PDB file of N, CA and C in Angstrom:
ATOM      1  N   UNK A   1       8.639  11.053  -9.496  1.00  0.00           N
ATOM      2  CA  UNK A   1       7.902   9.783  -9.721  1.00  0.00           C
ATOM      3  C   UNK A   1       7.344   8.833  -8.961  1.00  0.00           C
ATOM      4  N   UNK A   2       6.150   8.290  -9.083  1.00  0.00           N
ATOM      5  CA  UNK A   2       5.512   7.055  -8.427  1.00  0.00           C
ATOM      6  C   UNK A   2       6.180   5.839  -8.572  1.00  0.00           C
ATOM      7  N   UNK A   3       6.149   5.255  -7.585  1.00  0.00           N
ATOM      8  CA  UNK A   3       6.836   3.865  -7.792  1.00  0.00           C
ATOM      9  C   UNK A   3       6.043   2.903  -8.313  1.00  0.00           C
ATOM     10  N   UNK A   4       5.437   3.173  -9.511  1.00  0.00           N
ATOM     11  CA  UNK A   4       4.429   1.822  -9.962  1.00  0.00           C
ATOM     12  C   UNK A   4       4.836   0.413  -9.735  1.00  0.00           C
ATOM     13  N   UNK A   5       6.397   0.475 -10.086  1.00  0.00           N
ATOM     14  CA  UNK A   5       6.611  -1.073 -10.139  1.00  0.00           C
ATOM     15  C   UNK A   5       6.592  -1.903  -8.387  1.00  0.00           C
ATOM     16  N   UNK A   6       6.460  -1.266  -7.297  1.00  0.00           N
ATOM     17  CA  UNK A   6       5.905  -1.574  -6.186  1.00  0.00           C
ATOM     18  C   UNK A   6       4.539  -1.871  -5.985  1.00  0.00           C
ATOM     19  N   UNK A   7       3.767  -0.948  -6.367  1.00  0.00           N
ATOM     20  CA  UNK A   7       2.403  -0.832  -6.827  1.00  0.00           C
ATOM     21  C   UNK A   7       1.829  -2.113  -7.504  1.00  0.00           C
ATOM     22  N   UNK A   8       2.358  -2.129  -8.595  1.00  0.00           N
ATOM     23  CA  UNK A   8       2.295  -3.287  -9.245  1.00  0.00           C
ATOM     24  C   UNK A   8       2.211  -4.513  -8.714  1.00  0.00           C
ATOM     25  N   UNK A   9       3.304  -4.638  -8.326  1.00  0.00           N
ATOM     26  CA  UNK A   9       3.859  -5.913  -7.514  1.00  0.00           C
ATOM     27  C   UNK A   9       2.842  -6.065  -6.241  1.00  0.00           C
ATOM     28  N   UNK A  10       2.712  -5.425  -5.522  1.00  0.00           N
ATOM     29  CA  UNK A  10       1.436  -5.327  -4.128  1.00  0.00           C
ATOM     30  C   UNK A  10       0.097  -6.004  -4.765  1.00  0.00           C
ATOM     31  N   UNK A  11      -0.368  -5.172  -6.102  1.00  0.00           N
ATOM     32  CA  UNK A  11      -1.596  -5.663  -6.499  1.00  0.00           C
ATOM     33  C   UNK A  11      -1.616  -7.141  -7.004  1.00  0.00           C
ATOM     34  N   UNK A  12      -0.419  -7.167  -7.407  1.00  0.00           N
ATOM     35  CA  UNK A  12      -0.101  -8.780  -8.174  1.00  0.00           C
ATOM     36  C   UNK A  12      -0.485  -9.874  -7.061  1.00  0.00           C
ATOM     37  N   UNK A  13       0.506  -9.817  -6.182  1.00  0.00           N
ATOM     38  CA  UNK A  13       0.430 -10.452  -4.861  1.00  0.00           C
ATOM     39  C   UNK A  13      -0.953 -10.590  -4.277  1.00  0.00           C
ATOM     40  N   UNK A  14      -1.674  -9.477  -4.021  1.00  0.00           N
ATOM     41  CA  UNK A  14      -2.925  -9.502  -3.175  1.00  0.00           C
ATOM     42  C   UNK A  14      -3.913 -10.530  -4.535  1.00  0.00           C
ATOM     43  N   UNK A  15      -3.721  -9.708  -5.729  1.00  0.00           N
ATOM     44  CA  UNK A  15      -4.725 -10.655  -6.889  1.00  0.00           C
ATOM     45  C   UNK A  15      -4.726 -12.192  -6.179  1.00  0.00           C
ATOM     46  N   UNK A  16      -3.246 -12.726  -6.313  1.00  0.00           N
ATOM     47  CA  UNK A  16      -2.769 -14.044  -6.317  1.00  0.00           C
ATOM     48  C   UNK A  16      -3.369 -14.605  -5.009  1.00  0.00           C
ATOM     49  N   UNK A  17      -3.555 -13.748  -3.435  1.00  0.00           N
ATOM     50  CA  UNK A  17      -3.940 -14.307  -2.044  1.00  0.00           C
ATOM     51  C   UNK A  17      -4.844 -13.173  -1.826  1.00  0.00           C
ATOM     52  N   UNK A  18      -5.792 -13.219  -2.509  1.00  0.00           N
ATOM     53  CA  UNK A  18      -6.970 -12.381  -2.005  1.00  0.00           C
ATOM     54  C   UNK A  18      -7.603 -12.597  -0.447  1.00  0.00           C
ATOM     55  N   UNK A  19      -7.288 -13.629  -0.154  1.00  0.00           N
ATOM     56  CA  UNK A  19      -8.030 -13.954   1.453  1.00  0.00           C
ATOM     57  C   UNK A  19      -6.777 -13.236   2.535  1.00  0.00           C
ATOM     58  N   UNK A  20      -5.709 -12.296   2.057  1.00  0.00           N
ATOM     59  CA  UNK A  20      -4.607 -11.638   2.611  1.00  0.00           C
ATOM     60  C   UNK A  20      -4.862 -10.330   2.714  1.00  0.00           C
ATOM     61  N   UNK A  21      -5.750  -9.854   1.806  1.00  0.00           N
ATOM     62  CA  UNK A  21      -6.141  -8.365   1.429  1.00  0.00           C
ATOM     63  C   UNK A  21      -7.539  -7.997   2.444  1.00  0.00           C
ATOM     64  N   UNK A  22      -6.936  -6.996   3.481  1.00  0.00           N
ATOM     65  CA  UNK A  22      -8.677  -6.763   4.432  1.00  0.00           C
ATOM     66  C   UNK A  22      -8.467  -5.364   4.465  1.00  0.00           C
ATOM     67  N   UNK A  23      -8.960  -4.587   4.068  1.00  0.00           N
ATOM     68  CA  UNK A  23      -8.774  -2.814   4.274  1.00  0.00           C
ATOM     69  C   UNK A  23      -9.244  -2.641   5.654  1.00  0.00           C
ATOM     70  N   UNK A  24      -9.554  -3.600   6.312  1.00  0.00           N
ATOM     71  CA  UNK A  24     -10.100  -2.959   7.680  1.00  0.00           C
ATOM     72  C   UNK A  24      -8.867  -3.178   8.519  1.00  0.00           C
ATOM     73  N   UNK A  25      -8.078  -3.978   8.243  1.00  0.00           N
ATOM     74  CA  UNK A  25      -6.644  -3.825   9.234  1.00  0.00           C
ATOM     75  C   UNK A  25      -5.410  -3.294   8.322  1.00  0.00           C
ATOM     76  N   UNK A  26      -4.383  -2.575   9.320  1.00  0.00           N
ATOM     77  CA  UNK A  26      -3.253  -1.914   8.517  1.00  0.00           C
ATOM     78  C   UNK A  26      -2.885  -3.463   8.188  1.00  0.00           C
ATOM     79  N   UNK A  27      -2.366  -4.222   9.089  1.00  0.00           N
ATOM     80  CA  UNK A  27      -2.069  -5.565   9.005  1.00  0.00           C
ATOM     81  C   UNK A  27      -1.817  -6.144  10.119  1.00  0.00           C
ATOM     82  N   UNK A  28      -2.621  -7.599  10.306  1.00  0.00           N
ATOM     83  CA  UNK A  28      -2.466  -8.097  11.453  1.00  0.00           C
ATOM     84  C   UNK A  28      -1.552  -9.217  11.499  1.00  0.00           C
ATOM     85  N   UNK A  29      -0.841  -9.602  10.782  1.00  0.00           N
ATOM     86  CA  UNK A  29       0.248 -10.589  10.758  1.00  0.00           C
ATOM     87  C   UNK A  29      -0.421 -11.663   9.759  1.00  0.00           C
ATOM     88  N   UNK A  30      -1.695 -11.762   9.419  1.00  0.00           N
ATOM     89  CA  UNK A  30      -2.701 -12.443   8.483  1.00  0.00           C
ATOM     90  C   UNK A  30      -3.100 -11.976   7.226  1.00  0.00           C
ATOM     91  N   UNK A  31      -3.606 -10.840   7.737  1.00  0.00           N
ATOM     92  CA  UNK A  31      -4.470  -9.764   6.634  1.00  0.00           C
ATOM     93  C   UNK A  31      -3.999  -8.658   7.085  1.00  0.00           C
ATOM     94  N   UNK A  32      -3.847  -7.606   5.837  1.00  0.00           N
ATOM     95  CA  UNK A  32      -3.487  -6.478   5.737  1.00  0.00           C
ATOM     96  C   UNK A  32      -3.878  -5.518   4.716  1.00  0.00           C
ATOM     97  N   UNK A  33      -4.233  -4.473   4.776  1.00  0.00           N
ATOM     98  CA  UNK A  33      -4.409  -3.127   3.891  1.00  0.00           C
ATOM     99  C   UNK A  33      -3.654  -3.240   2.430  1.00  0.00           C
ATOM    100  N   UNK A  34      -4.153  -2.388   1.555  1.00  0.00           N
ATOM    101  CA  UNK A  34      -3.120  -2.094   1.010  1.00  0.00           C
ATOM    102  C   UNK A  34      -1.769  -1.522   1.118  1.00  0.00           C
ATOM    103  N   UNK A  35      -1.614  -0.701   2.153  1.00  0.00           N
ATOM    104  CA  UNK A  35      -0.719   0.358   2.700  1.00  0.00           C
ATOM    105  C   UNK A  35       0.205  -0.430   3.464  1.00  0.00           C
ATOM    106  N   UNK A  36      -0.448  -1.523   4.423  1.00  0.00           N
ATOM    107  CA  UNK A  36       0.277  -2.504   4.756  1.00  0.00           C
ATOM    108  C   UNK A  36       1.286  -3.682   3.834  1.00  0.00           C
ATOM    109  N   UNK A  37       0.284  -3.932   2.752  1.00  0.00           N
ATOM    110  CA  UNK A  37       1.384  -5.105   1.821  1.00  0.00           C
ATOM    111  C   UNK A  37       2.464  -4.199   1.289  1.00  0.00           C
ATOM    112  N   UNK A  38       1.840  -3.079   0.900  1.00  0.00           N
ATOM    113  CA  UNK A  38       2.995  -2.086   0.096  1.00  0.00           C
ATOM    114  C   UNK A  38       4.489  -2.225   0.983  1.00  0.00           C
ATOM    115  N   UNK A  39       4.310  -1.957   2.357  1.00  0.00           N
ATOM    116  CA  UNK A  39       5.558  -1.962   3.027  1.00  0.00           C
ATOM    117  C   UNK A  39       6.079  -3.064   3.292  1.00  0.00           C
ATOM    118  N   UNK A  40       5.051  -4.688   3.550  1.00  0.00           N
ATOM    119  CA  UNK A  40       5.746  -5.723   3.509  1.00  0.00           C
ATOM    120  C   UNK A  40       6.483  -6.413   2.518  1.00  0.00           C
ATOM    121  N   UNK A  41       5.881  -5.925   1.336  1.00  0.00           N
ATOM    122  CA  UNK A  41       6.344  -5.994  -0.387  1.00  0.00           C
ATOM    123  C   UNK A  41       7.471  -5.516  -0.139  1.00  0.00           C
ATOM    124  N   UNK A  42       7.915  -4.517   0.347  1.00  0.00           N
ATOM    125  CA  UNK A  42       9.351  -3.348   0.318  1.00  0.00           C
ATOM    126  C   UNK A  42      10.558  -4.265   1.190  1.00  0.00           C
ATOM    127  N   UNK A  43       9.937  -4.837   2.029  1.00  0.00           N
ATOM    128  CA  UNK A  43      11.189  -5.563   2.897  1.00  0.00           C
ATOM    129  C   UNK A  43      10.561  -4.942   4.215  1.00  0.00           C
ATOM    130  N   UNK A  44       9.430  -3.993   4.554  1.00  0.00           N
ATOM    131  CA  UNK A  44       9.605  -3.791   6.027  1.00  0.00           C
ATOM    132  C   UNK A  44       8.831  -5.283   7.181  1.00  0.00           C
ATOM    133  N   UNK A  45       8.880  -4.757   8.357  1.00  0.00           N
ATOM    134  CA  UNK A  45       8.391  -5.839   9.398  1.00  0.00           C
ATOM    135  C   UNK A  45       7.173  -4.827   9.534  1.00  0.00           C
ATOM    136  N   UNK A  46       5.996  -5.557   9.990  1.00  0.00           N
ATOM    137  CA  UNK A  46       4.813  -5.053  10.875  1.00  0.00           C
ATOM    138  C   UNK A  46       5.061  -5.496  12.341  1.00  0.00           C
ATOM    139  N   UNK A  47       5.213  -4.564  13.232  1.00  0.00           N
ATOM    140  CA  UNK A  47       4.966  -4.729  14.521  1.00  0.00           C
ATOM    141  C   UNK A  47       3.823  -4.614  15.243  1.00  0.00           C
ATOM    142  N   UNK A  48       3.579  -4.883  16.093  1.00  0.00           N
ATOM    143  CA  UNK A  48       2.492  -4.056  17.498  1.00  0.00           C
ATOM    144  C   UNK A  48       1.185  -5.228  16.844  1.00  0.00           C
ATOM    145  N   UNK A  49       0.201  -4.536  17.784  1.00  0.00           N
ATOM    146  CA  UNK A  49      -1.056  -5.108  17.652  1.00  0.00           C
ATOM    147  C   UNK A  49      -2.375  -4.503  17.343  1.00  0.00           C
ATOM    148  N   UNK A  50      -3.472  -4.729  16.753  1.00  0.00           N
ATOM    149  CA  UNK A  50      -4.721  -3.823  16.685  1.00  0.00           C
ATOM    150  C   UNK A  50      -4.229  -2.120  16.270  1.00  0.00           C
ATOM    151  N   UNK A  51      -4.447  -1.789  16.961  1.00  0.00           N
ATOM    152  CA  UNK A  51      -4.578  -0.490  16.165  1.00  0.00           C
ATOM    153  C   UNK A  51      -3.175   0.563  16.399  1.00  0.00           C
ATOM    154  N   UNK A  52      -2.096  -0.586  17.619  1.00  0.00           N
ATOM    155  CA  UNK A  52      -1.110   0.312  17.572  1.00  0.00           C
ATOM    156  C   UNK A  52       0.062  -0.809  16.906  1.00  0.00           C
ATOM    157  N   UNK A  53       0.030  -0.583  15.543  1.00  0.00           N
ATOM    158  CA  UNK A  53       0.849  -0.803  14.225  1.00  0.00           C
ATOM    159  C   UNK A  53       1.837   0.295  14.150  1.00  0.00           C
ATOM    160  N   UNK A  54       3.082  -0.403  13.909  1.00  0.00           N
ATOM    161  CA  UNK A  54       3.826   0.217  13.045  1.00  0.00           C
ATOM    162  C   UNK A  54       4.723  -0.804  11.895  1.00  0.00           C
ATOM    163  N   UNK A  55       5.200   0.071  11.074  1.00  0.00           N
ATOM    164  CA  UNK A  55       6.390  -0.646  10.091  1.00  0.00           C
ATOM    165  C   UNK A  55       7.845   0.008  10.720  1.00  0.00           C
ATOM    166  N   UNK A  56       8.681  -1.450  10.961  1.00  0.00           N
ATOM    167  CA  UNK A  56       9.989  -1.085  10.745  1.00  0.00           C
ATOM    168  C   UNK A  56      10.811  -1.295   9.430  1.00  0.00           C
ATOM    169  N   UNK A  57      11.414  -0.395   8.724  1.00  0.00           N
ATOM    170  CA  UNK A  57      11.939  -0.492   7.650  1.00  0.00           C
ATOM    171  C   UNK A  57      13.266   0.574   7.677  1.00  0.00           C
ATOM    172  N   UNK A  58      14.244  -0.430   7.265  1.00  0.00           N
ATOM    173  CA  UNK A  58      15.691   0.107   7.237  1.00  0.00           C
ATOM    174  C   UNK A  58      16.232   0.622   8.493  1.00  0.00           C
ATOM    175  N   UNK A  59      15.626  -0.280   9.570  1.00  0.00           N
ATOM    176  CA  UNK A  59      15.877  -0.108  11.084  1.00  0.00           C
ATOM    177  C   UNK A  59      15.220   1.089  11.382  1.00  0.00           C
ATOM    178  N   UNK A  60      14.154   1.759  10.655  1.00  0.00           N
ATOM    179  CA  UNK A  60      13.320   2.747  11.750  1.00  0.00           C
ATOM    180  C   UNK A  60      12.087   1.990  11.931  1.00  0.00           C
ATOM    181  N   UNK A  61      11.735   3.181  12.907  1.00  0.00           N
ATOM    182  CA  UNK A  61      10.128   2.590  13.080  1.00  0.00           C
ATOM    183  C   UNK A  61       9.186   4.064  12.477  1.00  0.00           C
ATOM    184  N   UNK A  62       8.356   3.323  11.831  1.00  0.00           N
ATOM    185  CA  UNK A  62       7.661   4.435  11.119  1.00  0.00           C
ATOM    186  C   UNK A  62       5.740   4.327  10.728  1.00  0.00           C
ATOM    187  N   UNK A  63       4.944   5.291  10.967  1.00  0.00           N
ATOM    188  CA  UNK A  63       3.914   4.670  10.742  1.00  0.00           C
ATOM    189  C   UNK A  63       3.563   4.021   9.401  1.00  0.00           C
ATOM    190  N   UNK A  64       2.540   3.100   9.344  1.00  0.00           N
ATOM    191  CA  UNK A  64       2.185   2.147   8.411  1.00  0.00           C
ATOM    192  C   UNK A  64       1.982   3.415   7.091  1.00  0.00           C
ATOM    193  N   UNK A  65       0.919   3.833   7.252  1.00  0.00           N
ATOM    194  CA  UNK A  65       0.669   4.997   5.938  1.00  0.00           C
ATOM    195  C   UNK A  65       1.916   5.622   5.710  1.00  0.00           C
ATOM    196  N   UNK A  66       2.574   6.352   6.274  1.00  0.00           N
ATOM    197  CA  UNK A  66       3.560   7.092   5.976  1.00  0.00           C
ATOM    198  C   UNK A  66       4.557   6.357   5.218  1.00  0.00           C
ATOM    199  N   UNK A  67       5.035   5.357   5.820  1.00  0.00           N
ATOM    200  CA  UNK A  67       6.059   4.582   5.023  1.00  0.00           C
ATOM    201  C   UNK A  67       5.221   4.277   3.433  1.00  0.00           C
ATOM    202  N   UNK A  68       4.080   3.581   3.560  1.00  0.00           N
ATOM    203  CA  UNK A  68       3.457   3.101   2.146  1.00  0.00           C
ATOM    204  C   UNK A  68       3.636   4.360   1.479  1.00  0.00           C
ATOM    205  N   UNK A  69       3.446   5.797   1.757  1.00  0.00           N
ATOM    206  CA  UNK A  69       2.936   7.087   0.635  1.00  0.00           C
ATOM    207  C   UNK A  69       4.706   7.252   0.552  1.00  0.00           C
ATOM    208  N   UNK A  70       5.611   7.192   1.097  1.00  0.00           N
ATOM    209  CA  UNK A  70       7.110   7.570   1.161  1.00  0.00           C
ATOM    210  C   UNK A  70       7.383   6.152   0.147  1.00  0.00           C
ATOM    211  N   UNK A  71       7.127   5.096   0.434  1.00  0.00           N
ATOM    212  CA  UNK A  71       7.792   3.917  -0.704  1.00  0.00           C
ATOM    213  C   UNK A  71       7.309   4.034  -1.792  1.00  0.00           C
ATOM    214  N   UNK A  72       6.055   4.784  -2.146  1.00  0.00           N
ATOM    215  CA  UNK A  72       5.167   4.295  -3.513  1.00  0.00           C
ATOM    216  C   UNK A  72       5.677   6.260  -4.079  1.00  0.00           C
ATOM    217  N   UNK A  73       6.398   7.141  -3.424  1.00  0.00           N
ATOM    218  CA  UNK A  73       6.495   8.228  -3.928  1.00  0.00           C
ATOM    219  C   UNK A  73       5.138   8.904  -4.282  1.00  0.00           C
ATOM    220  N   UNK A  74       4.139   8.939  -3.771  1.00  0.00           N
ATOM    221  CA  UNK A  74       3.020   9.470  -3.792  1.00  0.00           C
ATOM    222  C   UNK A  74       2.690  11.087  -3.314  1.00  0.00           C
ATOM    223  N   UNK A  75       1.967  11.596  -4.103  1.00  0.00           N
ATOM    224  CA  UNK A  75       1.634  12.922  -4.001  1.00  0.00           C
ATOM    225  C   UNK A  75       0.320  12.713  -2.678  1.00  0.00           C
ATOM    226  N   UNK A  76      -0.083  13.520  -1.662  1.00  0.00           N
ATOM    227  CA  UNK A  76      -0.746  13.644  -0.963  1.00  0.00           C
ATOM    228  C   UNK A  76      -2.251  12.799  -1.640  1.00  0.00           C
ATOM    229  N   UNK A  77      -2.848  13.887  -2.069  1.00  0.00           N
ATOM    230  CA  UNK A  77      -4.096  13.734  -2.925  1.00  0.00           C
ATOM    231  C   UNK A  77      -4.406  12.159  -3.656  1.00  0.00           C
ATOM    232  N   UNK A  78      -3.169  11.821  -3.939  1.00  0.00           N
ATOM    233  CA  UNK A  78      -2.886  10.320  -4.667  1.00  0.00           C
ATOM    234  C   UNK A  78      -3.133   9.500  -3.527  1.00  0.00           C
ATOM    235  N   UNK A  79      -2.389   9.735  -2.768  1.00  0.00           N
ATOM    236  CA  UNK A  79      -2.516   8.422  -1.560  1.00  0.00           C
ATOM    237  C   UNK A  79      -3.671   8.742  -0.796  1.00  0.00           C
ATOM    238  N   UNK A  80      -4.282   9.830  -0.551  1.00  0.00           N
ATOM    239  CA  UNK A  80      -5.817   9.751  -0.220  1.00  0.00           C
ATOM    240  C   UNK A  80      -6.766   8.911  -1.103  1.00  0.00           C
ATOM    241  N   UNK A  81      -6.614   8.936  -2.256  1.00  0.00           N
ATOM    242  CA  UNK A  81      -7.228   8.103  -2.886  1.00  0.00           C
ATOM    243  C   UNK A  81      -7.125   6.849  -3.216  1.00  0.00           C
ATOM    244  N   UNK A  82      -5.946   6.090  -3.005  1.00  0.00           N
ATOM    245  CA  UNK A  82      -5.339   4.934  -3.299  1.00  0.00           C
ATOM    246  C   UNK A  82      -5.231   4.177  -2.048  1.00  0.00           C
ATOM    247  N   UNK A  83      -4.846   4.982  -0.917  1.00  0.00           N
ATOM    248  CA  UNK A  83      -4.834   4.257   0.471  1.00  0.00           C
ATOM    249  C   UNK A  83      -5.634   4.096   1.508  1.00  0.00           C
ATOM    250  N   UNK A  84      -6.699   5.187   1.332  1.00  0.00           N
ATOM    251  CA  UNK A  84      -7.463   5.262   2.383  1.00  0.00           C
ATOM    252  C   UNK A  84      -9.042   4.900   1.625  1.00  0.00           C
ATOM    253  N   UNK A  85      -9.115   3.536   1.226  1.00  0.00           N
ATOM    254  CA  UNK A  85     -10.473   3.180   1.294  1.00  0.00           C
ATOM    255  C   UNK A  85     -11.251   2.230   2.336  1.00  0.00           C
ATOM    256  N   UNK A  86     -12.805   1.774   2.155  1.00  0.00           N
ATOM    257  CA  UNK A  86     -12.976   1.174   2.824  1.00  0.00           C
ATOM    258  C   UNK A  86     -12.981  -0.270   2.447  1.00  0.00           C
ATOM    259  N   UNK A  87     -13.272  -0.750   0.964  1.00  0.00           N
ATOM    260  CA  UNK A  87     -13.460  -1.875   0.852  1.00  0.00           C
ATOM    261  C   UNK A  87     -12.225  -2.252   0.118  1.00  0.00           C
ATOM    262  N   UNK A  88     -11.690  -3.617  -0.029  1.00  0.00           N
ATOM    263  CA  UNK A  88     -10.683  -3.950  -0.547  1.00  0.00           C
ATOM    264  C   UNK A  88     -11.043  -3.550  -2.578  1.00  0.00           C
ATOM    265  N   UNK A  89     -12.187  -4.153  -2.866  1.00  0.00           N
ATOM    266  CA  UNK A  89     -12.445  -3.590  -4.430  1.00  0.00           C
ATOM    267  C   UNK A  89     -12.330  -1.796  -4.511  1.00  0.00           C
ATOM    268  N   UNK A  90     -12.382  -0.975  -3.843  1.00  0.00           N
ATOM    269  CA  UNK A  90     -12.437   0.101  -3.890  1.00  0.00           C
ATOM    270  C   UNK A  90     -10.724   0.539  -3.804  1.00  0.00           C
ATOM    271  N   UNK A  91      -9.632  -0.265  -2.455  1.00  0.00           N
ATOM    272  CA  UNK A  91      -8.601   0.287  -2.804  1.00  0.00           C
ATOM    273  C   UNK A  91      -8.027  -0.212  -4.063  1.00  0.00           C
ATOM    274  N   UNK A  92      -8.397  -1.606  -4.722  1.00  0.00           N
ATOM    275  CA  UNK A  92      -7.457  -2.208  -5.760  1.00  0.00           C
ATOM    276  C   UNK A  92      -8.064  -1.841  -7.191  1.00  0.00           C
ATOM    277  N   UNK A  93      -9.062  -1.061  -7.418  1.00  0.00           N
ATOM    278  CA  UNK A  93      -9.452  -0.194  -8.038  1.00  0.00           C
ATOM    279  C   UNK A  93      -8.957   1.120  -8.321  1.00  0.00           C
ATOM    280  N   UNK A  94      -8.681   1.551  -7.384  1.00  0.00           N
ATOM    281  CA  UNK A  94      -8.071   2.969  -7.200  1.00  0.00           C
ATOM    282  C   UNK A  94      -6.837   3.010  -7.759  1.00  0.00           C
ATOM    283  N   UNK A  95      -6.313   1.975  -6.919  1.00  0.00           N
ATOM    284  CA  UNK A  95      -4.636   1.528  -7.304  1.00  0.00           C
ATOM    285  C   UNK A  95      -4.638   1.345  -8.899  1.00  0.00           C
ATOM    286  N   UNK A  96      -5.409   0.502  -9.378  1.00  0.00           N
ATOM    287  CA  UNK A  96      -5.228   0.602 -10.593  1.00  0.00           C
ATOM    288  C   UNK A  96      -5.591   1.504 -11.942  1.00  0.00           C
ATOM    289  N   UNK A  97      -6.510   2.622 -11.274  1.00  0.00           N
ATOM    290  CA  UNK A  97      -6.974   3.659 -12.155  1.00  0.00           C
ATOM    291  C   UNK A  97      -5.739   4.416 -11.956  1.00  0.00           C
ATOM    292  N   UNK A  98      -4.860   4.607 -10.677  1.00  0.00           N
ATOM    293  CA  UNK A  98      -3.809   5.222 -10.497  1.00  0.00           C
ATOM    294  C   UNK A  98      -2.561   4.916 -11.630  1.00  0.00           C
ATOM    295  N   UNK A  99      -2.405   3.477 -11.742  1.00  0.00           N
ATOM    296  CA  UNK A  99      -1.447   3.056 -12.881  1.00  0.00           C
ATOM    297  C   UNK A  99      -1.717   3.457 -14.208  1.00  0.00           C
ATOM    298  N   UNK A 100      -2.792   3.145 -14.303  1.00  0.00           N
ATOM    299  CA  UNK A 100      -3.309   3.273 -15.584  1.00  0.00           C
ATOM    300  C   UNK A 100      -2.841   4.992 -16.097  1.00  0.00           C
ATOM    301  N   UNK A 101      -3.367   5.334 -15.237  1.00  0.00           N
ATOM    302  CA  UNK A 101      -3.198   7.356 -15.062  1.00  0.00           C
ATOM    303  C   UNK A 101      -1.956   7.341 -15.892  1.00  0.00           C
ATOM    304  N   UNK A 102      -0.613   7.071 -14.733  1.00  0.00           N
ATOM    305  CA  UNK A 102       0.826   7.035 -14.732  1.00  0.00           C
ATOM    306  C   UNK A 102       1.138   6.890 -16.088  1.00  0.00           C
ATOM    307  N   UNK A 103       0.485   5.452 -16.274  1.00  0.00           N
ATOM    308  CA  UNK A 103       1.272   4.999 -17.817  1.00  0.00           C
ATOM    309  C   UNK A 103       1.116   5.723 -18.988  1.00  0.00           C
ATOM    310  N   UNK A 104      -0.038   6.590 -18.877  1.00  0.00           N
ATOM    311  CA  UNK A 104      -0.759   7.036 -20.423  1.00  0.00           C
ATOM    312  C   UNK A 104      -0.296   9.021 -20.101  1.00  0.00           C
ATOM    313  N   UNK A 105       0.156   8.939 -19.186  1.00  0.00           N
ATOM    314  CA  UNK A 105       0.535  10.203 -18.713  1.00  0.00           C
ATOM    315  C   UNK A 105       1.571  10.542 -19.655  1.00  0.00           C
ATOM    316  N   UNK A 106       1.874  12.299 -20.377  1.00  0.00           N
ATOM    317  CA  UNK A 106       2.973  12.605 -20.772  1.00  0.00           C
ATOM    318  C   UNK A 106       3.739  12.980 -20.072  1.00  0.00           C
ATOM    319  N   UNK A 107       5.396  12.134 -19.983  1.00  0.00           N
ATOM    320  CA  UNK A 107       6.248  12.357 -18.913  1.00  0.00           C
ATOM    321  C   UNK A 107       7.199  13.712 -19.605  1.00  0.00           C
ATOM    322  N   UNK A 108       7.853  14.403 -18.862  1.00  0.00           N
ATOM    323  CA  UNK A 108       7.996  15.864 -19.139  1.00  0.00           C
ATOM    324  C   UNK A 108       9.925  15.266 -18.866  1.00  0.00           C
TER     325      UNK A 108
END
C-alpha cells in the first residue's frame, strides 16, 4: 500500500515553501524535486553535487529516485507518473491525483 502520509506531508511542505520546489534538480541543498523532498522529509540526507547526487538513509547510500519509490511504496507506473515530471505543477498535480485515486479506491 502506498505511503500516502509521506506524500501528503511532502506536498504540504512544498505548498508552504514553493521556492524550494524545483523539478529540474534532484536536490541541490536549496531546492529540489518532489523525489528529493520525499527523501528529505523521510529523514534522508542528500549528498553530492549537480548530477552526482545520492541519498543516505539509515546509513545506506541510495539513488534519490530509487529511495523515493521505496519510501512511497509505489508501483513503477505510479512512480513514472508522479516522480518524472518537467514542471513543478505537473509533479504536484500528478501526486494529488494519485492521492485522490488511492483514497477513493476500494481496498481489499
